[in-house]
Amino acid sequence: MASNSSPHHSGNSSLKFPKDVKTMIIPPKALNIVWGNDNRYWTVPEKEGLPALAELHQVSWLEVTGVVDDTNPNKNCEVGFRVSLNPDAFGWGKYPIYMMIKKGTKISWTKINITPNQKGEFEIKGRWMKADQQTQNNVNSSDRKVFFGLYEVWSGKWKGGLKIHSAYVKELP
């Protein structure tokens, strides 16, 4: 187990969306990963560089989250993860995983089925649609933060072999 006293990996809680880009790429090290600080369950990169992916060995509680501040509250957004599966991946296909996106008080959930024999890198993504005009007129600082996560915590079944290459937050028109 890693030397940190918590079994969970704490990412960067102060990520800010750059003003001059439409898509922010987030490395796995910047994500919060439940059981990510215990190398029986995950390998999470200590430093930036190659390979900078987080690799799931085995968990029955999949929870990978992040937060980005300074997004435009009047824009739709897409959040996703670039992932791949090891050839010996297990626990995928029978139970869906869920992508959650929260901005202000509005939450969006997307149900995703991962095919166990999926080859190469692929995206898991969800969309958050901006609030109606009346809600937009009452924008506060929490509407600038995007909270997001990837979850499979309900089945209690073991899964492994998932590699997280990166996450992203993209502002849409």
Protein backbone atom coordinates (compact mmCIF):
# COMPACT_ATOMS: atom_id res chain seq x y z
CA MET A 1 0.00 0.00 0.00
CA ALA A 2 1.21 3.54 -0.67
CA SER A 3 2.64 5.49 2.25
CA ASN A 4 -0.25 7.98 2.42
CA SER A 5 -2.55 7.18 5.36
CA SER A 6 -5.67 7.23 3.16
CA PRO A 7 -6.40 4.37 0.76
CA HIS A 8 -7.90 6.89 -1.68
CA HIS A 9 -6.02 8.99 -4.23
CA SER A 10 -6.77 12.72 -3.94
CA GLY A 11 -6.44 14.62 -7.20
CA ASN A 12 -6.15 18.32 -7.89
CA SER A 13 -9.15 20.15 -6.43
CA SER A 14 -8.16 23.55 -7.85
CA LEU A 15 -8.26 22.91 -11.62
CA LYS A 16 -9.40 25.98 -13.57
CA PHE A 17 -10.80 25.91 -17.08
CA PRO A 18 -8.44 27.91 -19.34
CA LYS A 19 -10.11 30.91 -20.99
CA ASP A 20 -8.50 30.35 -24.40
CA VAL A 21 -9.48 26.70 -25.02
CA LYS A 22 -12.70 24.81 -25.68
CA THR A 23 -11.49 21.48 -24.22
CA MET A 24 -9.51 20.92 -21.04
CA ILE A 25 -7.60 17.62 -20.82
CA ILE A 26 -7.20 16.28 -17.29
CA PRO A 27 -4.49 13.72 -16.48
CA PRO A 28 -5.40 10.75 -14.25
CA LYS A 29 -3.18 12.05 -11.44
CA ALA A 30 -5.53 15.08 -11.12
CA LEU A 31 -8.59 12.84 -10.53
CA ASN A 32 -9.91 11.54 -7.21
CA ILE A 33 -9.84 7.74 -7.26
CA VAL A 34 -11.45 5.67 -4.51
CA TRP A 35 -8.94 2.97 -3.47
CA GLY A 36 -6.45 4.69 -5.82
CA ASN A 37 -3.76 4.99 -3.16
CA ASP A 38 -3.68 1.25 -2.60
CA ASN A 39 -1.67 -0.55 -5.31
CA ARG A 40 -3.58 -3.79 -4.70
CA TYR A 41 -6.48 -2.05 -6.45
CA TRP A 42 -5.04 0.69 -8.67
CA THR A 43 -1.78 1.98 -10.10
CA VAL A 44 -1.97 5.77 -10.27
CA PRO A 45 0.99 7.74 -11.67
CA GLU A 46 3.04 9.59 -9.07
CA LYS A 47 4.35 12.13 -11.58
CA GLU A 48 3.30 13.48 -14.94
CA GLY A 49 4.93 11.77 -17.90
CA LEU A 50 4.63 8.51 -19.75
CA PRO A 51 2.90 6.28 -19.05
CA ALA A 52 0.59 8.65 -17.24
CA LEU A 53 -2.45 6.42 -17.13
CA ALA A 54 -4.24 5.06 -14.08
CA GLU A 55 -4.74 1.30 -14.19
CA LEU A 56 -7.47 -0.53 -12.32
CA HIS A 57 -6.34 -3.93 -11.02
CA GLN A 58 -9.55 -4.84 -9.20
CA VAL A 59 -12.31 -3.09 -7.24
CA SER A 60 -15.91 -3.71 -6.38
CA TRP A 61 -16.46 0.04 -5.82
CA LEU A 62 -15.56 2.10 -8.92
CA GLU A 63 -15.57 5.82 -8.20
CA VAL A 64 -13.38 8.25 -10.15
CA THR A 65 -14.24 11.94 -9.81
CA GLY A 66 -12.99 15.40 -10.63
CA VAL A 67 -13.91 19.07 -10.50
CA VAL A 68 -13.08 21.98 -12.81
CA ASP A 69 -13.74 25.62 -11.92
CA ASP A 70 -14.19 28.74 -14.09
CA THR A 71 -16.37 27.17 -16.78
CA ASN A 72 -18.92 29.32 -18.57
CA PRO A 73 -22.26 28.83 -16.77
CA ASN A 74 -24.16 29.69 -19.97
CA LYS A 75 -22.60 26.91 -22.05
CA ASN A 76 -23.48 23.26 -22.46
CA CYS A 77 -20.62 20.94 -21.64
CA GLU A 78 -19.43 17.46 -22.42
CA VAL A 79 -17.35 15.47 -19.97
CA GLY A 80 -15.57 12.28 -20.88
CA PHE A 81 -12.88 9.78 -20.07
CA ARG A 82 -10.41 8.26 -22.59
CA VAL A 83 -10.06 4.64 -21.50
CA SER A 84 -8.99 1.21 -22.69
CA LEU A 85 -9.28 -2.36 -21.40
CA ASN A 86 -6.47 -4.84 -20.80
CA PRO A 87 -6.84 -8.17 -22.66
CA ASP A 88 -7.58 -9.84 -19.30
CA ALA A 89 -10.17 -7.22 -18.19
CA PHE A 90 -13.06 -8.64 -16.19
CA GLY A 91 -16.40 -7.58 -14.69
CA TRP A 92 -17.51 -5.41 -17.64
CA GLY A 93 -20.60 -5.84 -19.79
CA LYS A 94 -23.09 -7.28 -17.33
CA TYR A 95 -23.47 -4.18 -15.15
CA PRO A 96 -23.53 -0.61 -16.53
CA ILE A 97 -21.36 2.19 -15.24
CA TYR A 98 -22.64 5.72 -14.80
CA MET A 99 -21.24 9.13 -15.70
CA MET A 100 -22.42 12.00 -13.50
CA ILE A 101 -22.04 15.69 -14.33
CA LYS A 102 -23.14 18.42 -11.90
CA LYS A 103 -23.06 22.15 -12.50
CA GLY A 104 -24.82 24.40 -9.99
CA THR A 105 -27.85 22.47 -8.80
CA LYS A 106 -28.43 20.62 -12.08
CA ILE A 107 -27.21 17.00 -12.34
CA SER A 108 -27.02 14.78 -15.41
CA TRP A 109 -26.54 10.99 -15.30
CA THR A 110 -25.58 8.83 -18.32
CA LYS A 111 -25.77 5.03 -18.24
CA ILE A 112 -22.90 3.38 -20.13
CA ASN A 113 -22.34 -0.26 -21.05
CA ILE A 114 -18.74 -1.23 -21.65
CA THR A 115 -18.28 -4.19 -23.96
CA PRO A 116 -15.74 -6.53 -22.33
CA ASN A 117 -13.95 -7.23 -25.62
CA GLN A 118 -13.62 -3.55 -26.61
CA LYS A 119 -10.23 -2.98 -28.31
CA GLY A 120 -8.01 0.11 -28.21
CA GLU A 121 -8.78 3.45 -26.61
CA PHE A 122 -12.38 4.63 -26.50
CA GLU A 123 -14.42 7.39 -24.86
CA ILE A 124 -16.96 7.24 -22.09
CA LYS A 125 -18.86 10.54 -22.12
CA GLY A 126 -21.89 12.43 -20.94
CA ARG A 127 -23.43 15.84 -21.57
CA TRP A 128 -24.75 18.53 -19.30
CA MET A 129 -27.25 20.91 -20.89
CA LYS A 130 -27.39 24.47 -19.63
CA ALA A 131 -30.27 25.65 -17.52
CA ASP A 132 -33.21 27.59 -18.89
CA GLN A 133 -32.99 31.38 -19.29
CA GLN A 134 -34.63 32.14 -15.93
CA THR A 135 -32.08 30.00 -14.08
CA GLN A 136 -29.21 31.52 -16.10
CA ASN A 137 -30.18 34.99 -14.84
CA ASN A 138 -29.43 33.81 -11.27
CA VAL A 139 -25.85 32.60 -11.88
CA ASN A 140 -23.64 32.18 -8.82
CA SER A 141 -20.09 30.90 -8.29
CA SER A 142 -21.18 27.26 -7.95
CA ASP A 143 -22.52 27.42 -11.53
CA ARG A 144 -18.94 27.85 -12.75
CA LYS A 145 -17.79 24.52 -11.26
CA VAL A 146 -18.27 21.24 -13.09
CA PHE A 147 -18.24 18.18 -10.85
CA PHE A 148 -18.04 14.87 -12.70
CA GLY A 149 -17.54 11.22 -11.98
CA LEU A 150 -17.51 7.66 -13.24
CA TYR A 151 -19.32 5.19 -10.97
CA GLU A 152 -20.20 1.53 -10.54
CA VAL A 153 -20.86 1.14 -6.86
CA TRP A 154 -24.17 -0.71 -6.76
CA SER A 155 -23.53 -4.25 -8.04
CA GLY A 156 -20.82 -5.17 -5.53
CA LYS A 157 -19.17 -7.24 -8.31
CA TRP A 158 -15.43 -7.15 -8.93
CA LYS A 159 -14.10 -5.51 -12.05
CA GLY A 160 -10.59 -4.88 -13.33
CA GLY A 161 -8.37 -4.17 -16.29
CA LEU A 162 -9.61 -0.62 -17.00
CA LYS A 163 -7.00 1.98 -17.95
CA ILE A 164 -7.84 5.68 -17.65
CA HIS A 165 -5.70 7.68 -20.09
CA SER A 166 -7.30 11.08 -19.39
CA ALA A 167 -10.52 12.90 -18.67
CA TYR A 168 -11.77 16.04 -20.37
CA VAL A 169 -14.27 18.87 -19.99
CA LYS A 170 -15.40 20.49 -23.22
CA GLU A 171 -17.56 23.62 -23.54
CA LEU A 172 -20.15 23.29 -26.29
CA PRO A 173 -22.02 26.06 -28.13
